[in-house]
Amino acid sequence: MKCEICKKKIGETFLKKILGTVIKDEKGKKHTICFECQKKFKTKEEILKKL
Protein backbone atom coordinates (compact mmCIF):
# COMPACT_ATOMS: atom_id res chain seq x y z
CA MET A 1 0.00 0.00 0.00
CA LYS A 2 1.29 3.51 -0.80
CA CYS A 3 0.78 6.91 0.79
CA GLU A 4 -1.41 9.11 -1.39
CA ILE A 5 0.58 12.27 -0.56
CA CYS A 6 4.25 11.28 -0.84
CA LYS A 7 3.80 7.96 -2.76
CA LYS A 8 6.09 6.04 -0.37
CA LYS A 9 5.28 2.49 0.62
CA ILE A 10 3.43 2.25 3.96
CA GLY A 11 4.68 -0.41 6.34
CA GLU A 12 2.42 -3.06 7.83
CA THR A 13 2.42 -5.01 11.08
CA PHE A 14 2.46 -8.79 11.09
CA LEU A 15 -1.36 -8.73 11.26
CA LYS A 16 -1.48 -6.67 8.01
CA LYS A 17 -2.53 -3.42 9.71
CA ILE A 18 -1.00 -0.29 8.18
CA LEU A 19 1.46 1.93 10.07
CA GLY A 20 -0.42 5.10 9.26
CA THR A 21 -4.01 6.20 9.03
CA VAL A 22 -7.02 6.15 6.73
CA ILE A 23 -8.93 9.39 6.14
CA LYS A 24 -12.30 9.82 4.42
CA ASP A 25 -13.04 12.83 2.24
CA GLU A 26 -16.41 14.54 1.74
CA LYS A 27 -17.53 11.95 -0.82
CA GLY A 28 -16.72 9.04 1.50
CA LYS A 29 -13.63 7.85 -0.41
CA LYS A 30 -10.87 6.46 1.82
CA HIS A 31 -7.28 7.71 1.51
CA THR A 32 -4.25 6.06 3.13
CA ILE A 33 -1.68 8.34 4.72
CA CYS A 34 1.76 7.34 6.04
CA PHE A 35 3.06 8.14 9.51
CA GLU A 36 5.51 10.81 8.27
CA CYS A 37 2.86 12.77 6.34
CA GLN A 38 0.53 12.46 9.31
CA LYS A 39 3.19 14.15 11.47
CA LYS A 40 3.76 16.93 8.90
CA PHE A 41 0.08 17.78 8.38
CA LYS A 42 -1.63 17.87 11.77
CA THR A 43 -5.30 18.34 10.85
CA LYS A 44 -7.64 16.46 8.54
CA GLU A 45 -8.24 19.62 6.50
CA GLU A 46 -4.51 20.09 5.82
CA ILE A 47 -4.19 16.47 4.70
CA LEU A 48 -7.19 16.72 2.36
CA LYS A 49 -5.75 19.89 0.77
CA LYS A 50 -2.53 18.02 -0.10
CA LEU A 51 -4.42 15.20 -1.83
PDB file of N, CA and C in Angstrom:
ATOM      1  N   MET A   1       0.848  -1.170   0.000  1.00  0.00           N
ATOM      2  CA  MET A   1       0.000   0.000   0.000  1.00  0.00           C
ATOM      3  C   MET A   1       0.897   1.237   0.000  1.00  0.00           C
ATOM      4  N   LYS A   2       0.483   2.298  -0.705  1.00  0.00           N
ATOM      5  CA  LYS A   2       1.289   3.506  -0.802  1.00  0.00           C
ATOM      6  C   LYS A   2       0.545   4.704  -0.227  1.00  0.00           C
ATOM      7  N   CYS A   3       1.325   5.651   0.285  1.00  0.00           N
ATOM      8  CA  CYS A   3       0.777   6.913   0.788  1.00  0.00           C
ATOM      9  C   CYS A   3       0.293   7.725  -0.407  1.00  0.00           C
ATOM     10  N   GLU A   4      -0.854   8.355  -0.277  1.00  0.00           N
ATOM     11  CA  GLU A   4      -1.413   9.114  -1.387  1.00  0.00           C
ATOM     12  C   GLU A   4      -0.850  10.527  -1.477  1.00  0.00           C
ATOM     13  N   ILE A   5      -0.043  10.948  -0.500  1.00  0.00           N
ATOM     14  CA  ILE A   5       0.576  12.272  -0.556  1.00  0.00           C
ATOM     15  C   ILE A   5       1.999  12.167  -1.101  1.00  0.00           C
ATOM     16  N   CYS A   6       2.838  11.349  -0.458  1.00  0.00           N
ATOM     17  CA  CYS A   6       4.249  11.275  -0.841  1.00  0.00           C
ATOM     18  C   CYS A   6       4.585  10.071  -1.714  1.00  0.00           C
ATOM     19  N   LYS A   7       3.658   9.152  -1.908  1.00  0.00           N
ATOM     20  CA  LYS A   7       3.800   7.965  -2.761  1.00  0.00           C
ATOM     21  C   LYS A   7       4.816   6.943  -2.243  1.00  0.00           C
ATOM     22  N   LYS A   8       5.206   7.046  -0.967  1.00  0.00           N
ATOM     23  CA  LYS A   8       6.090   6.044  -0.374  1.00  0.00           C
ATOM     24  C   LYS A   8       5.276   4.837   0.069  1.00  0.00           C
ATOM     25  N   LYS A   9       5.951   3.703   0.173  1.00  0.00           N
ATOM     26  CA  LYS A   9       5.276   2.493   0.621  1.00  0.00           C
ATOM     27  C   LYS A   9       5.019   2.593   2.128  1.00  0.00           C
ATOM     28  N   ILE A  10       3.803   2.223   2.546  1.00  0.00           N
ATOM     29  CA  ILE A  10       3.431   2.252   3.959  1.00  0.00           C
ATOM     30  C   ILE A  10       3.704   0.870   4.537  1.00  0.00           C
ATOM     31  N   GLY A  11       4.391   0.850   5.685  1.00  0.00           N
ATOM     32  CA  GLY A  11       4.685  -0.415   6.339  1.00  0.00           C
ATOM     33  C   GLY A  11       3.445  -1.033   6.964  1.00  0.00           C
ATOM     34  N   GLU A  12       3.536  -2.337   7.213  1.00  0.00           N
ATOM     35  CA  GLU A  12       2.425  -3.059   7.829  1.00  0.00           C
ATOM     36  C   GLU A  12       2.946  -3.869   9.007  1.00  0.00           C
ATOM     37  N   THR A  13       2.069  -4.130   9.973  1.00  0.00           N
ATOM     38  CA  THR A  13       2.416  -5.005  11.080  1.00  0.00           C
ATOM     39  C   THR A  13       2.252  -6.451  10.627  1.00  0.00           C
ATOM     40  N   PHE A  14       2.585  -7.393  11.473  1.00  0.00           N
ATOM     41  CA  PHE A  14       2.461  -8.790  11.091  1.00  0.00           C
ATOM     42  C   PHE A  14       1.008  -9.225  10.937  1.00  0.00           C
ATOM     43  N   LEU A  15       0.062  -8.443  11.430  1.00  0.00           N
ATOM     44  CA  LEU A  15      -1.361  -8.731  11.262  1.00  0.00           C
ATOM     45  C   LEU A  15      -1.962  -7.960  10.080  1.00  0.00           C
ATOM     46  N   LYS A  16      -1.096  -7.396   9.227  1.00  0.00           N
ATOM     47  CA  LYS A  16      -1.483  -6.668   8.011  1.00  0.00           C
ATOM     48  C   LYS A  16      -2.245  -5.375   8.278  1.00  0.00           C
ATOM     49  N   LYS A  17      -1.984  -4.746   9.440  1.00  0.00           N
ATOM     50  CA  LYS A  17      -2.530  -3.417   9.713  1.00  0.00           C
ATOM     51  C   LYS A  17      -1.492  -2.396   9.271  1.00  0.00           C
ATOM     52  N   ILE A  18      -1.938  -1.278   8.685  1.00  0.00           N
ATOM     53  CA  ILE A  18      -0.996  -0.286   8.179  1.00  0.00           C
ATOM     54  C   ILE A  18      -0.431   0.560   9.310  1.00  0.00           C
ATOM     55  N   LEU A  19       0.819   1.037   9.115  1.00  0.00           N
ATOM     56  CA  LEU A  19       1.459   1.930  10.069  1.00  0.00           C
ATOM     57  C   LEU A  19       1.216   3.365   9.608  1.00  0.00           C
ATOM     58  N   GLY A  20       0.003   3.785   9.704  1.00  0.00           N
ATOM     59  CA  GLY A  20      -0.424   5.101   9.265  1.00  0.00           C
ATOM     60  C   GLY A  20      -1.884   5.273   9.618  1.00  0.00           C
ATOM     61  N   THR A  21      -2.604   5.980   8.764  1.00  0.00           N
ATOM     62  CA  THR A  21      -4.014   6.204   9.034  1.00  0.00           C
ATOM     63  C   THR A  21      -4.806   6.204   7.730  1.00  0.00           C
ATOM     64  N   VAL A  22      -6.101   6.082   7.862  1.00  0.00           N
ATOM     65  CA  VAL A  22      -7.022   6.147   6.730  1.00  0.00           C
ATOM     66  C   VAL A  22      -7.959   7.317   6.987  1.00  0.00           C
ATOM     67  N   ILE A  23      -8.089   8.204   5.994  1.00  0.00           N
ATOM     68  CA  ILE A  23      -8.926   9.393   6.138  1.00  0.00           C
ATOM     69  C   ILE A  23      -9.974   9.384   5.036  1.00  0.00           C
ATOM     70  N   LYS A  24     -11.217   9.712   5.400  1.00  0.00           N
ATOM     71  CA  LYS A  24     -12.301   9.816   4.415  1.00  0.00           C
ATOM     72  C   LYS A  24     -12.462  11.273   3.995  1.00  0.00           C
ATOM     73  N   ASP A  25     -12.732  11.480   2.702  1.00  0.00           N
ATOM     74  CA  ASP A  25     -13.035  12.826   2.237  1.00  0.00           C
ATOM     75  C   ASP A  25     -14.543  13.067   2.270  1.00  0.00           C
ATOM     76  N   GLU A  26     -14.991  14.172   1.682  1.00  0.00           N
ATOM     77  CA  GLU A  26     -16.405  14.538   1.737  1.00  0.00           C
ATOM     78  C   GLU A  26     -17.289  13.521   1.016  1.00  0.00           C
ATOM     79  N   LYS A  27     -16.765  12.908  -0.033  1.00  0.00           N
ATOM     80  CA  LYS A  27     -17.534  11.949  -0.820  1.00  0.00           C
ATOM     81  C   LYS A  27     -17.544  10.554  -0.213  1.00  0.00           C
ATOM     82  N   GLY A  28     -16.768  10.339   0.846  1.00  0.00           N
ATOM     83  CA  GLY A  28     -16.722   9.044   1.497  1.00  0.00           C
ATOM     84  C   GLY A  28     -15.601   8.148   1.006  1.00  0.00           C
ATOM     85  N   LYS A  29     -14.745   8.647   0.098  1.00  0.00           N
ATOM     86  CA  LYS A  29     -13.630   7.853  -0.408  1.00  0.00           C
ATOM     87  C   LYS A  29     -12.517   7.811   0.644  1.00  0.00           C
ATOM     88  N   LYS A  30     -11.927   6.631   0.832  1.00  0.00           N
ATOM     89  CA  LYS A  30     -10.872   6.458   1.823  1.00  0.00           C
ATOM     90  C   LYS A  30      -9.504   6.704   1.201  1.00  0.00           C
ATOM     91  N   HIS A  31      -8.643   7.406   1.938  1.00  0.00           N
ATOM     92  CA  HIS A  31      -7.282   7.710   1.511  1.00  0.00           C
ATOM     93  C   HIS A  31      -6.322   7.219   2.586  1.00  0.00           C
ATOM     94  N   THR A  32      -5.249   6.536   2.178  1.00  0.00           N
ATOM     95  CA  THR A  32      -4.251   6.057   3.132  1.00  0.00           C
ATOM     96  C   THR A  32      -3.114   7.069   3.226  1.00  0.00           C
ATOM     97  N   ILE A  33      -2.713   7.357   4.449  1.00  0.00           N
ATOM     98  CA  ILE A  33      -1.680   8.344   4.718  1.00  0.00           C
ATOM     99  C   ILE A  33      -0.612   7.699   5.586  1.00  0.00           C
ATOM    100  N   CYS A  34       0.674   7.925   5.254  1.00  0.00           N
ATOM    101  CA  CYS A  34       1.764   7.336   6.036  1.00  0.00           C
ATOM    102  C   CYS A  34       1.985   8.128   7.329  1.00  0.00           C
ATOM    103  N   PHE A  35       2.790   7.550   8.209  1.00  0.00           N
ATOM    104  CA  PHE A  35       3.059   8.142   9.512  1.00  0.00           C
ATOM    105  C   PHE A  35       3.792   9.478   9.386  1.00  0.00           C
ATOM    106  N   GLU A  36       4.740   9.576   8.434  1.00  0.00           N
ATOM    107  CA  GLU A  36       5.512  10.812   8.269  1.00  0.00           C
ATOM    108  C   GLU A  36       4.640  11.977   7.800  1.00  0.00           C
ATOM    109  N   CYS A  37       3.761  11.711   6.824  1.00  0.00           N
ATOM    110  CA  CYS A  37       2.859  12.765   6.343  1.00  0.00           C
ATOM    111  C   CYS A  37       1.845  13.148   7.411  1.00  0.00           C
ATOM    112  N   GLN A  38       1.462  12.188   8.224  1.00  0.00           N
ATOM    113  CA  GLN A  38       0.533  12.460   9.311  1.00  0.00           C
ATOM    114  C   GLN A  38       1.176  13.394  10.337  1.00  0.00           C
ATOM    115  N   LYS A  39       2.490  13.255  10.552  1.00  0.00           N
ATOM    116  CA  LYS A  39       3.192  14.149  11.469  1.00  0.00           C
ATOM    117  C   LYS A  39       3.351  15.543  10.879  1.00  0.00           C
ATOM    118  N   LYS A  40       3.578  15.640   9.555  1.00  0.00           N
ATOM    119  CA  LYS A  40       3.756  16.933   8.896  1.00  0.00           C
ATOM    120  C   LYS A  40       2.470  17.749   8.885  1.00  0.00           C
ATOM    121  N   PHE A  41       1.376  17.103   8.518  1.00  0.00           N
ATOM    122  CA  PHE A  41       0.085  17.781   8.385  1.00  0.00           C
ATOM    123  C   PHE A  41      -0.800  17.339   9.542  1.00  0.00           C
ATOM    124  N   LYS A  42      -0.986  18.219  10.500  1.00  0.00           N
ATOM    125  CA  LYS A  42      -1.633  17.867  11.769  1.00  0.00           C
ATOM    126  C   LYS A  42      -3.137  17.638  11.665  1.00  0.00           C
ATOM    127  N   THR A  43      -3.838  18.441  10.874  1.00  0.00           N
ATOM    128  CA  THR A  43      -5.297  18.340  10.853  1.00  0.00           C
ATOM    129  C   THR A  43      -5.800  17.619   9.598  1.00  0.00           C
ATOM    130  N   LYS A  44      -7.021  17.157   9.664  1.00  0.00           N
ATOM    131  CA  LYS A  44      -7.642  16.464   8.541  1.00  0.00           C
ATOM    132  C   LYS A  44      -7.784  17.397   7.347  1.00  0.00           C
ATOM    133  N   GLU A  45      -8.077  18.657   7.583  1.00  0.00           N
ATOM    134  CA  GLU A  45      -8.245  19.620   6.502  1.00  0.00           C
ATOM    135  C   GLU A  45      -6.945  19.842   5.743  1.00  0.00           C
ATOM    136  N   GLU A  46      -5.804  19.919   6.469  1.00  0.00           N
ATOM    137  CA  GLU A  46      -4.506  20.093   5.824  1.00  0.00           C
ATOM    138  C   GLU A  46      -4.170  18.889   4.957  1.00  0.00           C
ATOM    139  N   ILE A  47      -4.474  17.707   5.442  1.00  0.00           N
ATOM    140  CA  ILE A  47      -4.185  16.471   4.697  1.00  0.00           C
ATOM    141  C   ILE A  47      -5.033  16.426   3.420  1.00  0.00           C
ATOM    142  N   LEU A  48      -6.306  16.757   3.527  1.00  0.00           N
ATOM    143  CA  LEU A  48      -7.191  16.715   2.360  1.00  0.00           C
ATOM    144  C   LEU A  48      -6.806  17.759   1.315  1.00  0.00           C
ATOM    145  N   LYS A  49      -6.218  18.893   1.730  1.00  0.00           N
ATOM    146  CA  LYS A  49      -5.746  19.894   0.770  1.00  0.00           C
ATOM    147  C   LYS A  49      -4.575  19.359  -0.048  1.00  0.00           C
ATOM    148  N   LYS A  50      -3.715  18.557   0.576  1.00  0.00           N
ATOM    149  CA  LYS A  50      -2.533  18.017  -0.103  1.00  0.00           C
ATOM    150  C   LYS A  50      -2.866  16.884  -1.063  1.00  0.00           C
ATOM    151  N   LEU A  51      -4.041  16.295  -0.932  1.00  0.00           N
ATOM    152  CA  LEU A  51      -4.419  15.200  -1.830  1.00  0.00           C
ATOM    153  C   LEU A  51      -4.748  15.742  -3.147  1.00  0.00           C
TER     154      LEU A  51
END
